[in-house]
Amino acid sequence: MAQKMYVDANDIIKDWGCSRAKAYQIIADLYAKLLKMNPHSIIIQGKCNRKRYLEKRYDKSYLLLASNISKKVVKFENTD
């Protein structure tokens, strides 16, 4: 099956482990930045361009955002 051109809130929830409201906030933030760069961009409400999302997903600022919104607790154990 072909990959969708857009990600939606469910994809973001799966990636980040955040609430639905936060997922839509991330989409809105990405589109605000996209519109600043290119005011003629096509926007589908509640969805985000997959390429743009994947680029920003690994950006340092979004990694900090993920650490603040994640509900999962990860513990690292020293095996030495």
Protein backbone atom coordinates (compact mmCIF):
# COMPACT_ATOMS: atom_id res chain seq x y z
CA MET A 1 0.00 0.00 0.00
CA ALA A 2 1.30 3.45 -0.87
CA GLN A 3 2.25 5.76 1.95
CA LYS A 4 -0.07 8.73 2.54
CA MET A 5 1.23 12.20 1.65
CA TYR A 6 -0.08 13.56 4.93
CA VAL A 7 0.12 12.50 8.57
CA ASP A 8 -2.78 13.06 10.89
CA ALA A 9 -3.18 13.35 14.65
CA ASN A 10 -3.24 9.56 15.10
CA ASP A 11 0.20 9.21 13.50
CA ILE A 12 1.60 11.95 15.74
CA ILE A 13 0.05 10.38 18.83
CA LYS A 14 1.69 7.08 17.89
CA ASP A 15 5.10 8.72 17.35
CA TRP A 16 5.14 11.04 20.36
CA GLY A 17 2.83 9.39 22.89
CA CYS A 18 0.98 12.66 23.43
CA SER A 19 -2.66 13.67 23.75
CA ARG A 20 -4.88 14.36 20.75
CA ALA A 21 -5.01 18.07 21.59
CA LYS A 22 -1.21 18.26 21.65
CA ALA A 23 -1.03 16.41 18.32
CA TYR A 24 -3.27 19.03 16.72
CA GLN A 25 -1.16 21.75 18.33
CA ILE A 26 1.96 20.23 16.72
CA ILE A 27 0.18 20.19 13.33
CA ALA A 28 -0.84 23.84 13.75
CA ASP A 29 2.72 24.80 14.70
CA LEU A 30 4.19 23.04 11.67
CA TYR A 31 1.71 24.73 9.34
CA ALA A 32 2.34 28.16 10.87
CA LYS A 33 6.04 27.74 10.11
CA LEU A 34 5.30 26.42 6.62
CA LEU A 35 3.01 29.37 5.82
CA LYS A 36 5.70 31.76 6.99
CA MET A 37 8.12 30.22 4.49
CA ASN A 38 5.60 29.85 1.65
CA PRO A 39 2.30 31.75 2.00
CA HIS A 40 0.80 29.90 -1.00
CA SER A 41 1.03 26.43 0.55
CA ILE A 42 -1.99 24.18 0.41
CA ILE A 43 -3.26 23.28 3.87
CA ILE A 44 -5.62 20.48 4.83
CA GLN A 45 -6.98 21.11 8.28
CA GLY A 46 -5.94 18.47 10.83
CA LYS A 47 -3.26 16.96 8.59
CA CYS A 48 0.40 17.72 8.02
CA ASN A 49 2.64 17.17 5.02
CA ARG A 50 4.55 13.91 5.65
CA LYS A 51 7.86 15.16 4.27
CA ARG A 52 7.79 18.31 6.42
CA TYR A 53 6.74 16.31 9.48
CA LEU A 54 9.54 13.76 9.09
CA GLU A 55 12.11 16.54 8.67
CA LYS A 56 10.96 18.30 11.83
CA ARG A 57 10.43 15.14 13.85
CA TYR A 58 14.18 14.74 14.30
CA ASP A 59 14.89 18.43 14.79
CA LYS A 60 16.42 19.23 18.21
CA SER A 61 13.63 21.64 19.16
CA TYR A 62 10.99 18.98 18.50
CA LEU A 63 12.98 16.42 20.49
CA LEU A 64 12.79 18.82 23.44
CA LEU A 65 9.06 19.20 22.83
CA ALA A 66 8.67 15.43 22.86
CA SER A 67 10.46 15.11 26.18
CA ASN A 68 8.07 17.67 27.67
CA ILE A 69 4.85 16.13 26.38
CA SER A 70 5.57 12.45 26.56
CA LYS A 71 3.50 10.53 29.08
CA LYS A 72 5.82 7.55 28.97
CA VAL A 73 8.48 7.13 31.63
CA VAL A 74 11.65 5.51 30.43
CA LYS A 75 14.16 4.18 32.95
CA PHE A 76 17.63 3.20 31.95
CA GLU A 77 19.35 0.62 34.09
CA ASN A 78 23.09 0.28 34.40
CA THR A 79 24.03 -3.30 33.54
CA ASP A 80 27.66 -3.00 34.69
